[in-house]
Amino acid sequence: MVHRRSSGEVRPYVRSSKPRFNWTVELKLLFEEAMALLGGTRKATPKQIRELMKCPHIQLSHIKSRLQMCRIRLEEKERRPGNNFSLDFFS
């Protein structure tokens, strides 16, 4: 998606100085367990997930982003006809 200003200019890309956060297999499992305990993607909130994961180094923004990704994947799977629901959308 290209962001254009009212004058038609394209906004320059500015790379963040922060290193990218990588979800390890262990963190993914903790996230999945927290989601399951909280009732899935529709009921879980980022703050609740962070509390259950007990990982103080994870920022709330990381959890929000992953939760959003899981919700989008779930919606896509539900829209596909003939697809059975599975929990592989957490990966």
PDB file of N, CA and C in Angstrom:
ATOM      1  N   MET A   1       0.844  -1.171   0.000  1.00  0.00           N
ATOM      2  CA  MET A   1       0.000   0.000   0.000  1.00  0.00           C
ATOM      3  C   MET A   1       0.895   1.242   0.000  1.00  0.00           C
ATOM      4  N   VAL A   2       0.640   2.129  -0.879  1.00  0.00           N
ATOM      5  CA  VAL A   2       1.427   3.355  -0.984  1.00  0.00           C
ATOM      6  C   VAL A   2       0.619   4.481  -0.347  1.00  0.00           C
ATOM      7  N   HIS A   3       1.256   5.202   0.549  1.00  0.00           N
ATOM      8  CA  HIS A   3       0.605   6.336   1.202  1.00  0.00           C
ATOM      9  C   HIS A   3       0.951   7.603   0.429  1.00  0.00           C
ATOM     10  N   ARG A   4      -0.063   8.255  -0.062  1.00  0.00           N
ATOM     11  CA  ARG A   4       0.157   9.483  -0.821  1.00  0.00           C
ATOM     12  C   ARG A   4      -0.335  10.675  -0.013  1.00  0.00           C
ATOM     13  N   ARG A   5       0.410  11.709  -0.104  1.00  0.00           N
ATOM     14  CA  ARG A   5       0.009  12.958   0.541  1.00  0.00           C
ATOM     15  C   ARG A   5      -0.974  13.677  -0.376  1.00  0.00           C
ATOM     16  N   SER A   6      -1.612  14.703   0.130  1.00  0.00           N
ATOM     17  CA  SER A   6      -2.596  15.426  -0.672  1.00  0.00           C
ATOM     18  C   SER A   6      -1.972  16.028  -1.923  1.00  0.00           C
ATOM     19  N   SER A   7      -0.670  16.285  -1.881  1.00  0.00           N
ATOM     20  CA  SER A   7       0.005  16.850  -3.058  1.00  0.00           C
ATOM     21  C   SER A   7       0.377  15.767  -4.070  1.00  0.00           C
ATOM     22  N   GLY A   8       0.123  14.494  -3.735  1.00  0.00           N
ATOM     23  CA  GLY A   8       0.433  13.405  -4.649  1.00  0.00           C
ATOM     24  C   GLY A   8       1.787  12.773  -4.399  1.00  0.00           C
ATOM     25  N   GLU A   9       2.562  13.326  -3.471  1.00  0.00           N
ATOM     26  CA  GLU A   9       3.877  12.759  -3.158  1.00  0.00           C
ATOM     27  C   GLU A   9       3.729  11.445  -2.405  1.00  0.00           C
ATOM     28  N   VAL A  10       4.700  10.570  -2.576  1.00  0.00           N
ATOM     29  CA  VAL A  10       4.734   9.322  -1.824  1.00  0.00           C
ATOM     30  C   VAL A  10       5.576   9.551  -0.578  1.00  0.00           C
ATOM     31  N   ARG A  11       5.047   9.136   0.560  1.00  0.00           N
ATOM     32  CA  ARG A  11       5.752   9.305   1.824  1.00  0.00           C
ATOM     33  C   ARG A  11       6.998   8.421   1.823  1.00  0.00           C
ATOM     34  N   PRO A  12       8.149   8.962   2.216  1.00  0.00           N
ATOM     35  CA  PRO A  12       9.366   8.147   2.233  1.00  0.00           C
ATOM     36  C   PRO A  12       9.318   7.070   3.308  1.00  0.00           C
ATOM     37  N   TYR A  13       9.911   5.925   3.008  1.00  0.00           N
ATOM     38  CA  TYR A  13       9.972   4.821   3.958  1.00  0.00           C
ATOM     39  C   TYR A  13      11.071   5.100   4.966  1.00  0.00           C
ATOM     40  N   VAL A  14      10.737   5.004   6.240  1.00  0.00           N
ATOM     41  CA  VAL A  14      11.714   5.211   7.305  1.00  0.00           C
ATOM     42  C   VAL A  14      11.789   3.926   8.106  1.00  0.00           C
ATOM     43  N   ARG A  15      12.918   3.246   8.019  1.00  0.00           N
ATOM     44  CA  ARG A  15      13.098   1.986   8.731  1.00  0.00           C
ATOM     45  C   ARG A  15      13.298   2.247  10.218  1.00  0.00           C
ATOM     46  N   SER A  16      12.663   1.444  11.039  1.00  0.00           N
ATOM     47  CA  SER A  16      12.771   1.586  12.480  1.00  0.00           C
ATOM     48  C   SER A  16      14.182   1.233  12.941  1.00  0.00           C
ATOM     49  N   SER A  17      14.628   1.907  13.974  1.00  0.00           N
ATOM     50  CA  SER A  17      15.951   1.619  14.530  1.00  0.00           C
ATOM     51  C   SER A  17      15.915   0.411  15.462  1.00  0.00           C
ATOM     52  N   LYS A  18      14.705  -0.007  15.872  1.00  0.00           N
ATOM     53  CA  LYS A  18      14.564  -1.154  16.763  1.00  0.00           C
ATOM     54  C   LYS A  18      14.757  -2.444  15.977  1.00  0.00           C
ATOM     55  N   PRO A  19      15.424  -3.419  16.588  1.00  0.00           N
ATOM     56  CA  PRO A  19      15.546  -4.710  15.905  1.00  0.00           C
ATOM     57  C   PRO A  19      14.187  -5.411  15.848  1.00  0.00           C
ATOM     58  N   ARG A  20      13.994  -6.195  14.821  1.00  0.00           N
ATOM     59  CA  ARG A  20      12.737  -6.918  14.648  1.00  0.00           C
ATOM     60  C   ARG A  20      12.593  -7.982  15.743  1.00  0.00           C
ATOM     61  N   PHE A  21      11.376  -8.128  16.249  1.00  0.00           N
ATOM     62  CA  PHE A  21      11.113  -9.120  17.287  1.00  0.00           C
ATOM     63  C   PHE A  21      10.848 -10.462  16.623  1.00  0.00           C
ATOM     64  N   ASN A  22      11.534 -11.507  17.068  1.00  0.00           N
ATOM     65  CA  ASN A  22      11.352 -12.841  16.522  1.00  0.00           C
ATOM     66  C   ASN A  22      10.625 -13.725  17.519  1.00  0.00           C
ATOM     67  N   TRP A  23       9.571 -14.367  17.051  1.00  0.00           N
ATOM     68  CA  TRP A  23       8.810 -15.292  17.876  1.00  0.00           C
ATOM     69  C   TRP A  23       9.479 -16.657  17.814  1.00  0.00           C
ATOM     70  N   THR A  24      10.014 -17.104  18.939  1.00  0.00           N
ATOM     71  CA  THR A  24      10.631 -18.426  19.005  1.00  0.00           C
ATOM     72  C   THR A  24       9.523 -19.477  19.113  1.00  0.00           C
ATOM     73  N   VAL A  25       9.883 -20.725  18.927  1.00  0.00           N
ATOM     74  CA  VAL A  25       8.917 -21.816  19.055  1.00  0.00           C
ATOM     75  C   VAL A  25       8.316 -21.813  20.456  1.00  0.00           C
ATOM     76  N   GLU A  26       9.153 -21.589  21.453  1.00  0.00           N
ATOM     77  CA  GLU A  26       8.671 -21.560  22.838  1.00  0.00           C
ATOM     78  C   GLU A  26       7.664 -20.435  23.057  1.00  0.00           C
ATOM     79  N   LEU A  27       7.955 -19.240  22.536  1.00  0.00           N
ATOM     80  CA  LEU A  27       7.040 -18.112  22.693  1.00  0.00           C
ATOM     81  C   LEU A  27       5.725 -18.371  21.959  1.00  0.00           C
ATOM     82  N   LYS A  28       5.806 -18.991  20.783  1.00  0.00           N
ATOM     83  CA  LYS A  28       4.584 -19.323  20.040  1.00  0.00           C
ATOM     84  C   LYS A  28       3.712 -20.278  20.846  1.00  0.00           C
ATOM     85  N   LEU A  29       4.345 -21.259  21.480  1.00  0.00           N
ATOM     86  CA  LEU A  29       3.588 -22.212  22.297  1.00  0.00           C
ATOM     87  C   LEU A  29       2.944 -21.531  23.499  1.00  0.00           C
ATOM     88  N   LEU A  30       3.686 -20.641  24.159  1.00  0.00           N
ATOM     89  CA  LEU A  30       3.121 -19.898  25.287  1.00  0.00           C
ATOM     90  C   LEU A  30       1.930 -19.053  24.835  1.00  0.00           C
ATOM     91  N   PHE A  31       2.054 -18.441  23.669  1.00  0.00           N
ATOM     92  CA  PHE A  31       0.983 -17.629  23.107  1.00  0.00           C
ATOM     93  C   PHE A  31      -0.248 -18.498  22.840  1.00  0.00           C
ATOM     94  N   GLU A  32      -0.039 -19.648  22.202  1.00  0.00           N
ATOM     95  CA  GLU A  32      -1.143 -20.563  21.900  1.00  0.00           C
ATOM     96  C   GLU A  32      -1.837 -21.050  23.169  1.00  0.00           C
ATOM     97  N   GLU A  33      -1.056 -21.404  24.186  1.00  0.00           N
ATOM     98  CA  GLU A  33      -1.634 -21.869  25.443  1.00  0.00           C
ATOM     99  C   GLU A  33      -2.471 -20.774  26.102  1.00  0.00           C
ATOM    100  N   ALA A  34      -1.956 -19.555  26.091  1.00  0.00           N
ATOM    101  CA  ALA A  34      -2.690 -18.435  26.675  1.00  0.00           C
ATOM    102  C   ALA A  34      -3.989 -18.206  25.907  1.00  0.00           C
ATOM    103  N   MET A  35      -3.924 -18.273  24.580  1.00  0.00           N
ATOM    104  CA  MET A  35      -5.122 -18.084  23.753  1.00  0.00           C
ATOM    105  C   MET A  35      -6.167 -19.154  24.075  1.00  0.00           C
ATOM    106  N   ALA A  36      -5.715 -20.400  24.193  1.00  0.00           N
ATOM    107  CA  ALA A  36      -6.643 -21.495  24.480  1.00  0.00           C
ATOM    108  C   ALA A  36      -7.305 -21.304  25.850  1.00  0.00           C
ATOM    109  N   LEU A  37      -6.527 -20.914  26.841  1.00  0.00           N
ATOM    110  CA  LEU A  37      -7.072 -20.697  28.188  1.00  0.00           C
ATOM    111  C   LEU A  37      -8.087 -19.556  28.217  1.00  0.00           C
ATOM    112  N   LEU A  38      -7.874 -18.572  27.354  1.00  0.00           N
ATOM    113  CA  LEU A  38      -8.747 -17.392  27.340  1.00  0.00           C
ATOM    114  C   LEU A  38      -9.955 -17.548  26.412  1.00  0.00           C
ATOM    115  N   GLY A  39     -10.040 -18.649  25.700  1.00  0.00           N
ATOM    116  CA  GLY A  39     -11.229 -18.884  24.869  1.00  0.00           C
ATOM    117  C   GLY A  39     -11.060 -18.576  23.402  1.00  0.00           C
ATOM    118  N   GLY A  40      -9.841 -18.449  22.921  1.00  0.00           N
ATOM    119  CA  GLY A  40      -9.616 -18.246  21.494  1.00  0.00           C
ATOM    120  C   GLY A  40      -9.357 -16.804  21.112  1.00  0.00           C
ATOM    121  N   THR A  41      -9.222 -16.589  19.799  1.00  0.00           N
ATOM    122  CA  THR A  41      -8.820 -15.279  19.295  1.00  0.00           C
ATOM    123  C   THR A  41      -9.865 -14.197  19.521  1.00  0.00           C
ATOM    124  N   ARG A  42     -11.122 -14.577  19.558  1.00  0.00           N
ATOM    125  CA  ARG A  42     -12.171 -13.562  19.691  1.00  0.00           C
ATOM    126  C   ARG A  42     -12.343 -13.077  21.127  1.00  0.00           C
ATOM    127  N   LYS A  43     -12.004 -13.912  22.085  1.00  0.00           N
ATOM    128  CA  LYS A  43     -12.195 -13.534  23.492  1.00  0.00           C
ATOM    129  C   LYS A  43     -10.930 -13.019  24.154  1.00  0.00           C
ATOM    130  N   ALA A  44      -9.791 -13.473  23.704  1.00  0.00           N
ATOM    131  CA  ALA A  44      -8.517 -13.098  24.335  1.00  0.00           C
ATOM    132  C   ALA A  44      -8.169 -11.643  24.041  1.00  0.00           C
ATOM    133  N   THR A  45      -7.575 -10.997  25.029  1.00  0.00           N
ATOM    134  CA  THR A  45      -7.077  -9.638  24.830  1.00  0.00           C
ATOM    135  C   THR A  45      -5.558  -9.666  24.993  1.00  0.00           C
ATOM    136  N   PRO A  46      -4.870  -8.722  24.365  1.00  0.00           N
ATOM    137  CA  PRO A  46      -3.405  -8.701  24.460  1.00  0.00           C
ATOM    138  C   PRO A  46      -2.881  -8.652  25.897  1.00  0.00           C
ATOM    139  N   LYS A  47      -3.514  -7.870  26.752  1.00  0.00           N
ATOM    140  CA  LYS A  47      -3.046  -7.767  28.142  1.00  0.00           C
ATOM    141  C   LYS A  47      -3.216  -9.087  28.886  1.00  0.00           C
ATOM    142  N   GLN A  48      -4.338  -9.760  28.649  1.00  0.00           N
ATOM    143  CA  GLN A  48      -4.561 -11.055  29.280  1.00  0.00           C
ATOM    144  C   GLN A  48      -3.532 -12.078  28.800  1.00  0.00           C
ATOM    145  N   ILE A  49      -3.252 -12.056  27.514  1.00  0.00           N
ATOM    146  CA  ILE A  49      -2.280 -12.986  26.942  1.00  0.00           C
ATOM    147  C   ILE A  49      -0.905 -12.750  27.549  1.00  0.00           C
ATOM    148  N   ARG A  50      -0.493 -11.486  27.634  1.00  0.00           N
ATOM    149  CA  ARG A  50       0.815 -11.165  28.203  1.00  0.00           C
ATOM    150  C   ARG A  50       0.924 -11.624  29.650  1.00  0.00           C
ATOM    151  N   GLU A  51      -0.141 -11.449  30.418  1.00  0.00           N
ATOM    152  CA  GLU A  51      -0.132 -11.890  31.816  1.00  0.00           C
ATOM    153  C   GLU A  51       0.071 -13.396  31.917  1.00  0.00           C
ATOM    154  N   LEU A  52      -0.635 -14.155  31.087  1.00  0.00           N
ATOM    155  CA  LEU A  52      -0.530 -15.608  31.136  1.00  0.00           C
ATOM    156  C   LEU A  52       0.801 -16.123  30.598  1.00  0.00           C
ATOM    157  N   MET A  53       1.384 -15.415  29.639  1.00  0.00           N
ATOM    158  CA  MET A  53       2.664 -15.840  29.078  1.00  0.00           C
ATOM    159  C   MET A  53       3.802 -15.658  30.072  1.00  0.00           C
ATOM    160  N   LYS A  54       3.676 -14.685  30.962  1.00  0.00           N
ATOM    161  CA  LYS A  54       4.704 -14.387  31.970  1.00  0.00           C
ATOM    162  C   LYS A  54       6.081 -14.166  31.346  1.00  0.00           C
ATOM    163  N   CYS A  55       6.101 -13.366  30.275  1.00  0.00           N
ATOM    164  CA  CYS A  55       7.348 -12.992  29.595  1.00  0.00           C
ATOM    165  C   CYS A  55       7.436 -11.471  29.601  1.00  0.00           C
ATOM    166  N   PRO A  56       8.126 -10.897  30.581  1.00  0.00           N
ATOM    167  CA  PRO A  56       8.151  -9.436  30.704  1.00  0.00           C
ATOM    168  C   PRO A  56       8.844  -8.708  29.553  1.00  0.00           C
ATOM    169  N   HIS A  57       9.690  -9.409  28.798  1.00  0.00           N
ATOM    170  CA  HIS A  57      10.421  -8.737  27.717  1.00  0.00           C
ATOM    171  C   HIS A  57       9.578  -8.538  26.459  1.00  0.00           C
ATOM    172  N   ILE A  58       8.411  -9.165  26.384  1.00  0.00           N
ATOM    173  CA  ILE A  58       7.554  -9.009  25.211  1.00  0.00           C
ATOM    174  C   ILE A  58       6.714  -7.754  25.379  1.00  0.00           C
ATOM    175  N   GLN A  59       6.748  -6.906  24.386  1.00  0.00           N
ATOM    176  CA  GLN A  59       5.959  -5.682  24.430  1.00  0.00           C
ATOM    177  C   GLN A  59       4.522  -5.992  24.020  1.00  0.00           C
ATOM    178  N   LEU A  60       3.620  -5.202  24.535  1.00  0.00           N
ATOM    179  CA  LEU A  60       2.217  -5.373  24.212  1.00  0.00           C
ATOM    180  C   LEU A  60       1.976  -5.254  22.706  1.00  0.00           C
ATOM    181  N   SER A  61       2.729  -4.407  22.049  1.00  0.00           N
ATOM    182  CA  SER A  61       2.560  -4.235  20.599  1.00  0.00           C
ATOM    183  C   SER A  61       2.874  -5.522  19.840  1.00  0.00           C
ATOM    184  N   HIS A  62       3.829  -6.318  20.331  1.00  0.00           N
ATOM    185  CA  HIS A  62       4.148  -7.594  19.686  1.00  0.00           C
ATOM    186  C   HIS A  62       2.974  -8.557  19.803  1.00  0.00           C
ATOM    187  N   ILE A  63       2.369  -8.579  20.972  1.00  0.00           N
ATOM    188  CA  ILE A  63       1.243  -9.475  21.198  1.00  0.00           C
ATOM    189  C   ILE A  63       0.030  -9.012  20.395  1.00  0.00           C
ATOM    190  N   LYS A  64      -0.203  -7.707  20.341  1.00  0.00           N
ATOM    191  CA  LYS A  64      -1.317  -7.172  19.559  1.00  0.00           C
ATOM    192  C   LYS A  64      -1.181  -7.562  18.091  1.00  0.00           C
ATOM    193  N   SER A  65       0.018  -7.439  17.577  1.00  0.00           N
ATOM    194  CA  SER A  65       0.271  -7.761  16.178  1.00  0.00           C
ATOM    195  C   SER A  65       0.025  -9.235  15.898  1.00  0.00           C
ATOM    196  N   ARG A  66       0.521 -10.102  16.755  1.00  0.00           N
ATOM    197  CA  ARG A  66       0.339 -11.541  16.557  1.00  0.00           C
ATOM    198  C   ARG A  66      -1.134 -11.937  16.697  1.00  0.00           C
ATOM    199  N   LEU A  67      -1.818 -11.337  17.649  1.00  0.00           N
ATOM    200  CA  LEU A  67      -3.237 -11.620  17.835  1.00  0.00           C
ATOM    201  C   LEU A  67      -4.030 -11.185  16.603  1.00  0.00           C
ATOM    202  N   GLN A  68      -3.700 -10.034  16.067  1.00  0.00           N
ATOM    203  CA  GLN A  68      -4.373  -9.559  14.859  1.00  0.00           C
ATOM    204  C   GLN A  68      -4.139 -10.533  13.702  1.00  0.00           C
ATOM    205  N   MET A  69      -2.898 -11.006  13.560  1.00  0.00           N
ATOM    206  CA  MET A  69      -2.570 -11.957  12.504  1.00  0.00           C
ATOM    207  C   MET A  69      -3.399 -13.236  12.670  1.00  0.00           C
ATOM    208  N   CYS A  70      -3.526 -13.727  13.897  1.00  0.00           N
ATOM    209  CA  CYS A  70      -4.299 -14.946  14.156  1.00  0.00           C
ATOM    210  C   CYS A  70      -5.774 -14.739  13.831  1.00  0.00           C
ATOM    211  N   ARG A  71      -6.297 -13.576  14.190  1.00  0.00           N
ATOM    212  CA  ARG A  71      -7.709 -13.280  13.901  1.00  0.00           C
ATOM    213  C   ARG A  71      -7.963 -13.222  12.402  1.00  0.00           C
ATOM    214  N   ILE A  72      -7.054 -12.619  11.663  1.00  0.00           N
ATOM    215  CA  ILE A  72      -7.200 -12.529  10.213  1.00  0.00           C
ATOM    216  C   ILE A  72      -7.150 -13.918   9.589  1.00  0.00           C
ATOM    217  N   ARG A  73      -6.210 -14.746  10.021  1.00  0.00           N
ATOM    218  CA  ARG A  73      -6.109 -16.106   9.489  1.00  0.00           C
ATOM    219  C   ARG A  73      -7.356 -16.918   9.799  1.00  0.00           C
ATOM    220  N   LEU A  74      -7.904 -16.745  10.985  1.00  0.00           N
ATOM    221  CA  LEU A  74      -9.120 -17.456  11.364  1.00  0.00           C
ATOM    222  C   LEU A  74     -10.278 -17.030  10.458  1.00  0.00           C
ATOM    223  N   GLU A  75     -10.418 -15.728  10.239  1.00  0.00           N
ATOM    224  CA  GLU A  75     -11.485 -15.222   9.367  1.00  0.00           C
ATOM    225  C   GLU A  75     -11.339 -15.757   7.951  1.00  0.00           C
ATOM    226  N   GLU A  76     -10.106 -15.803   7.445  1.00  0.00           N
ATOM    227  CA  GLU A  76      -9.872 -16.321   6.096  1.00  0.00           C
ATOM    228  C   GLU A  76     -10.268 -17.785   6.000  1.00  0.00           C
ATOM    229  N   LYS A  77      -9.933 -18.566   7.018  1.00  0.00           N
ATOM    230  CA  LYS A  77     -10.283 -19.996   7.013  1.00  0.00           C
ATOM    231  C   LYS A  77     -11.792 -20.182   7.089  1.00  0.00           C
ATOM    232  N   GLU A  78     -12.465 -19.345   7.866  1.00  0.00           N
ATOM    233  CA  GLU A  78     -13.917 -19.468   7.988  1.00  0.00           C
ATOM    234  C   GLU A  78     -14.622 -19.108   6.689  1.00  0.00           C
ATOM    235  N   ARG A  79     -14.041 -18.206   5.895  1.00  0.00           N
ATOM    236  CA  ARG A  79     -14.645 -17.796   4.628  1.00  0.00           C
ATOM    237  C   ARG A  79     -14.506 -18.848   3.534  1.00  0.00           C
ATOM    238  N   ARG A  80     -13.490 -19.690   3.624  1.00  0.00           N
ATOM    239  CA  ARG A  80     -13.276 -20.708   2.594  1.00  0.00           C
ATOM    240  C   ARG A  80     -14.324 -21.813   2.726  1.00  0.00           C
ATOM    241  N   PRO A  81     -15.012 -22.114   1.632  1.00  0.00           N
ATOM    242  CA  PRO A  81     -16.013 -23.179   1.701  1.00  0.00           C
ATOM    243  C   PRO A  81     -15.357 -24.558   1.815  1.00  0.00           C
ATOM    244  N   GLY A  82     -15.947 -25.421   2.628  1.00  0.00           N
ATOM    245  CA  GLY A  82     -15.480 -26.792   2.745  1.00  0.00           C
ATOM    246  C   GLY A  82     -14.238 -26.995   3.578  1.00  0.00           C
ATOM    247  N   ASN A  83     -13.720 -25.957   4.192  1.00  0.00           N
ATOM    248  CA  ASN A  83     -12.526 -26.100   5.030  1.00  0.00           C
ATOM    249  C   ASN A  83     -12.918 -26.440   6.448  1.00  0.00           C
ATOM    250  N   ASN A  84     -12.246 -27.410   7.013  1.00  0.00           N
ATOM    251  CA  ASN A  84     -12.457 -27.737   8.413  1.00  0.00           C
ATOM    252  C   ASN A  84     -11.580 -26.843   9.264  1.00  0.00           C
ATOM    253  N   PHE A  85     -12.083 -26.421  10.406  1.00  0.00           N
ATOM    254  CA  PHE A  85     -11.322 -25.557  11.301  1.00  0.00           C
ATOM    255  C   PHE A  85     -10.216 -26.357  11.980  1.00  0.00           C
ATOM    256  N   SER A  86      -9.035 -25.766  12.039  1.00  0.00           N
ATOM    257  CA  SER A  86      -7.934 -26.392  12.780  1.00  0.00           C
ATOM    258  C   SER A  86      -7.146 -25.314  13.482  1.00  0.00           C
ATOM    259  N   LEU A  87      -6.274 -25.718  14.399  1.00  0.00           N
ATOM    260  CA  LEU A  87      -5.513 -24.761  15.185  1.00  0.00           C
ATOM    261  C   LEU A  87      -4.169 -24.418  14.562  1.00  0.00           C
ATOM    262  N   ASP A  88      -3.945 -24.761  13.306  1.00  0.00           N
ATOM    263  CA  ASP A  88      -2.642 -24.488  12.706  1.00  0.00           C
ATOM    264  C   ASP A  88      -2.453 -23.026  12.319  1.00  0.00           C
ATOM    265  N   PHE A  89      -3.452 -22.164  12.554  1.00  0.00           N
ATOM    266  CA  PHE A  89      -3.313 -20.761  12.199  1.00  0.00           C
ATOM    267  C   PHE A  89      -2.444 -19.997  13.173  1.00  0.00           C
ATOM    268  N   PHE A  90      -2.004 -20.603  14.275  1.00  0.00           N
ATOM    269  CA  PHE A  90      -1.141 -19.928  15.234  1.00  0.00           C
ATOM    270  C   PHE A  90       0.304 -19.859  14.761  1.00  0.00           C
ATOM    271  N   SER A  91       0.712 -20.674  13.857  1.00  0.00           N
ATOM    272  CA  SER A  91       2.123 -20.757  13.443  1.00  0.00           C
ATOM    273  C   SER A  91       2.558 -19.557  12.668  1.00  0.00           C
TER     274      SER A  91
END
